[in-house]
C-alpha cells in the first residue's frame, strides 16, 4: 500500500496531466504544512520534453500552461 496512485486525466496542449495522490502519506501526516505541500503538488503536467509543472488543481495546471509568464 505504499504505491503512488497515478491517474492520467487528459492531454492539454501537449501536456499530459495526471493526478498524483499518495493517500497513505496524506492521511498519516498531522502537520498542516505537510498537508499543504501535498495539496500543492497534487496535480502534475509533463510535456514531450520532460518538463514538469505542479499545481493544486486541474484548473491551476491549465492556467500555468496557458500563462507561463505569470507562474515563474
N, C-alpha and C. Protein backbone atom coordinates (compact mmCIF):
# COMPACT_ATOMS: atom_id res chain seq x y z
N UNK A 1 0.80 -1.20 0.00
CA UNK A 1 0.00 0.00 0.00
C UNK A 1 0.84 1.27 0.00
N UNK A 2 2.14 1.15 -0.21
CA UNK A 2 3.00 2.32 -0.27
C UNK A 2 3.13 2.86 -1.69
N UNK A 3 2.37 2.33 -2.63
CA UNK A 3 2.48 2.74 -4.02
C UNK A 3 1.83 4.09 -4.24
N UNK A 4 2.40 4.85 -5.15
CA UNK A 4 1.83 6.13 -5.54
C UNK A 4 0.72 5.84 -6.55
N UNK A 5 -0.42 6.46 -6.34
CA UNK A 5 -1.55 6.27 -7.23
C UNK A 5 -1.48 7.35 -8.29
N UNK A 6 -1.48 6.96 -9.57
CA UNK A 6 -1.36 7.92 -10.66
C UNK A 6 -2.52 7.70 -11.63
N UNK A 7 -3.24 8.76 -11.94
CA UNK A 7 -4.34 8.72 -12.87
C UNK A 7 -4.07 9.70 -14.00
N UNK A 8 -4.07 9.22 -15.23
CA UNK A 8 -3.94 10.11 -16.38
C UNK A 8 -5.30 10.75 -16.61
N UNK A 9 -5.34 12.06 -16.60
CA UNK A 9 -6.61 12.78 -16.74
C UNK A 9 -6.83 13.23 -18.18
N UNK A 10 -5.85 13.92 -18.75
CA UNK A 10 -6.04 14.42 -20.11
C UNK A 10 -4.71 14.88 -20.70
N UNK A 11 -4.73 15.11 -21.99
CA UNK A 11 -3.61 15.75 -22.67
C UNK A 11 -4.11 17.14 -23.05
N UNK A 12 -3.45 18.15 -22.53
CA UNK A 12 -3.87 19.53 -22.74
C UNK A 12 -2.72 20.29 -23.39
N UNK A 13 -2.89 20.64 -24.66
CA UNK A 13 -1.91 21.41 -25.40
C UNK A 13 -0.52 20.78 -25.34
N UNK A 14 -0.46 19.46 -25.47
CA UNK A 14 0.81 18.74 -25.48
C UNK A 14 1.34 18.37 -24.11
N UNK A 15 0.60 18.65 -23.07
CA UNK A 15 1.00 18.30 -21.71
C UNK A 15 0.12 17.15 -21.23
N UNK A 16 0.73 16.08 -20.76
CA UNK A 16 -0.01 15.00 -20.11
C UNK A 16 -0.24 15.41 -18.67
N UNK A 17 -1.49 15.50 -18.29
CA UNK A 17 -1.84 15.93 -16.94
C UNK A 17 -2.31 14.73 -16.14
N UNK A 18 -1.71 14.56 -14.98
CA UNK A 18 -2.04 13.43 -14.12
C UNK A 18 -2.40 13.92 -12.72
N UNK A 19 -3.16 13.11 -12.04
CA UNK A 19 -3.48 13.33 -10.65
C UNK A 19 -2.61 12.39 -9.84
N UNK A 20 -1.70 12.96 -9.07
CA UNK A 20 -0.80 12.16 -8.24
C UNK A 20 -1.28 12.28 -6.80
N UNK A 21 -1.53 11.18 -6.18
CA UNK A 21 -2.04 11.25 -4.82
C UNK A 21 -1.61 10.02 -4.05
N UNK A 22 -0.80 10.21 -3.06
CA UNK A 22 -0.41 9.14 -2.17
C UNK A 22 -1.25 9.30 -0.91
N UNK A 23 -2.40 8.65 -0.89
CA UNK A 23 -3.35 8.85 0.19
C UNK A 23 -2.80 8.43 1.55
N UNK A 24 -1.98 7.41 1.58
CA UNK A 24 -1.44 6.95 2.86
C UNK A 24 -0.58 8.03 3.51
N UNK A 25 0.28 8.65 2.74
CA UNK A 25 1.13 9.71 3.29
C UNK A 25 0.26 10.88 3.74
N UNK A 26 -0.70 11.25 2.92
CA UNK A 26 -1.56 12.39 3.25
C UNK A 26 -2.36 12.12 4.52
N UNK A 27 -2.93 10.94 4.65
CA UNK A 27 -3.78 10.64 5.80
C UNK A 27 -2.99 10.43 7.09
N UNK A 28 -1.73 10.02 7.00
CA UNK A 28 -0.95 9.74 8.19
C UNK A 28 -0.19 10.94 8.73
N UNK A 29 -0.13 12.01 8.01
CA UNK A 29 0.61 13.19 8.45
C UNK A 29 -0.33 14.13 9.20
N UNK A 30 0.13 14.67 10.32
CA UNK A 30 -0.69 15.57 11.11
C UNK A 30 -0.37 17.04 10.86
N UNK A 31 0.79 17.31 10.32
CA UNK A 31 1.24 18.68 10.13
C UNK A 31 0.43 19.38 9.03
N UNK A 32 -0.04 20.57 9.31
CA UNK A 32 -0.75 21.36 8.31
C UNK A 32 0.17 21.70 7.14
N UNK A 33 1.45 21.93 7.43
CA UNK A 33 2.41 22.24 6.38
C UNK A 33 2.54 21.06 5.41
N UNK A 34 2.58 19.84 5.94
CA UNK A 34 2.68 18.66 5.09
C UNK A 34 1.44 18.51 4.22
N UNK A 35 0.28 18.75 4.79
CA UNK A 35 -0.96 18.64 4.01
C UNK A 35 -0.98 19.69 2.91
N UNK A 36 -0.53 20.90 3.22
CA UNK A 36 -0.49 21.96 2.21
C UNK A 36 0.48 21.58 1.09
N UNK A 37 1.64 21.05 1.45
CA UNK A 37 2.63 20.65 0.46
C UNK A 37 2.06 19.59 -0.46
N UNK A 38 1.43 18.58 0.09
CA UNK A 38 0.86 17.52 -0.73
C UNK A 38 -0.26 18.05 -1.62
N UNK A 39 -1.07 18.94 -1.09
CA UNK A 39 -2.16 19.51 -1.87
C UNK A 39 -1.62 20.36 -3.01
N UNK A 40 -0.53 21.11 -2.75
CA UNK A 40 0.05 22.00 -3.76
C UNK A 40 0.58 21.21 -4.95
N UNK A 41 1.10 20.03 -4.72
CA UNK A 41 1.67 19.24 -5.81
C UNK A 41 0.81 18.03 -6.14
N UNK A 42 -0.48 18.17 -5.93
CA UNK A 42 -1.42 17.08 -6.18
C UNK A 42 -1.53 16.77 -7.67
N UNK A 43 -1.43 17.77 -8.52
CA UNK A 43 -1.53 17.63 -9.97
C UNK A 43 -0.17 17.84 -10.60
N UNK A 44 0.11 17.10 -11.67
CA UNK A 44 1.38 17.22 -12.37
C UNK A 44 1.13 17.24 -13.88
N UNK A 45 1.83 18.13 -14.57
CA UNK A 45 1.81 18.17 -16.02
C UNK A 45 3.20 17.89 -16.54
N UNK A 46 3.30 17.05 -17.58
CA UNK A 46 4.58 16.71 -18.19
C UNK A 46 4.43 16.89 -19.70
N UNK A 47 5.37 17.65 -20.30
CA UNK A 47 5.30 17.80 -21.76
C UNK A 47 6.26 16.82 -22.44
N UNK A 48 6.33 16.87 -23.75
CA UNK A 48 7.15 15.92 -24.52
C UNK A 48 8.64 16.07 -24.25
N UNK A 49 9.07 17.25 -23.80
CA UNK A 49 10.48 17.48 -23.49
C UNK A 49 10.84 17.02 -22.07
N UNK A 50 9.85 16.54 -21.33
CA UNK A 50 10.09 16.08 -19.96
C UNK A 50 9.99 17.16 -18.91
N UNK A 51 9.59 18.38 -19.33
CA UNK A 51 9.40 19.46 -18.35
C UNK A 51 8.19 19.14 -17.49
N UNK A 52 8.28 19.47 -16.21
CA UNK A 52 7.20 19.18 -15.26
C UNK A 52 6.71 20.46 -14.59
N UNK A 53 5.40 20.51 -14.40
CA UNK A 53 4.78 21.58 -13.63
C UNK A 53 3.85 20.93 -12.62
N UNK A 54 3.63 21.63 -11.51
CA UNK A 54 2.80 21.09 -10.44
C UNK A 54 1.77 22.13 -10.03
N UNK A 55 0.62 21.65 -9.59
CA UNK A 55 -0.42 22.54 -9.10
C UNK A 55 -1.38 21.83 -8.18
N UNK A 56 -2.25 22.62 -7.57
CA UNK A 56 -3.20 22.06 -6.61
C UNK A 56 -4.53 21.67 -7.25
N UNK A 57 -4.72 22.02 -8.53
CA UNK A 57 -5.97 21.67 -9.22
C UNK A 57 -5.71 21.55 -10.71
N UNK A 58 -6.62 20.89 -11.39
CA UNK A 58 -6.53 20.79 -12.85
C UNK A 58 -6.63 22.18 -13.47
N UNK A 59 -7.49 23.02 -12.92
CA UNK A 59 -7.63 24.40 -13.42
C UNK A 59 -6.32 25.16 -13.30
N UNK A 60 -5.62 24.98 -12.17
CA UNK A 60 -4.34 25.67 -11.99
C UNK A 60 -3.30 25.18 -12.99
N UNK A 61 -3.24 23.89 -13.24
CA UNK A 61 -2.30 23.34 -14.23
C UNK A 61 -2.58 23.93 -15.61
N UNK A 62 -3.84 23.97 -16.01
CA UNK A 62 -4.19 24.56 -17.31
C UNK A 62 -3.79 26.03 -17.37
N UNK A 63 -3.98 26.76 -16.27
CA UNK A 63 -3.61 28.18 -16.23
C UNK A 63 -2.11 28.36 -16.37
N UNK A 64 -1.33 27.50 -15.72
CA UNK A 64 0.13 27.56 -15.83
C UNK A 64 0.57 27.30 -17.27
N UNK A 65 -0.09 26.35 -17.93
CA UNK A 65 0.24 26.05 -19.33
C UNK A 65 -0.13 27.23 -20.23
N UNK A 66 -1.31 27.82 -19.99
CA UNK A 66 -1.77 28.93 -20.83
C UNK A 66 -1.00 30.23 -20.59
N UNK A 67 -0.59 30.48 -19.34
CA UNK A 67 0.06 31.72 -18.97
C UNK A 67 1.33 31.46 -18.17
N UNK A 68 2.36 30.87 -18.80
CA UNK A 68 3.57 30.51 -18.06
C UNK A 68 4.29 31.71 -17.45
N UNK A 69 4.18 32.87 -18.05
CA UNK A 69 4.85 34.06 -17.54
C UNK A 69 4.32 34.52 -16.19
N UNK A 70 3.13 34.12 -15.83
CA UNK A 70 2.55 34.51 -14.56
C UNK A 70 2.97 33.57 -13.42
N UNK A 71 3.66 32.49 -13.76
CA UNK A 71 3.98 31.45 -12.78
C UNK A 71 5.47 31.15 -12.74
N UNK A 72 6.29 32.16 -12.64
CA UNK A 72 7.74 31.95 -12.58
C UNK A 72 8.19 31.58 -11.21
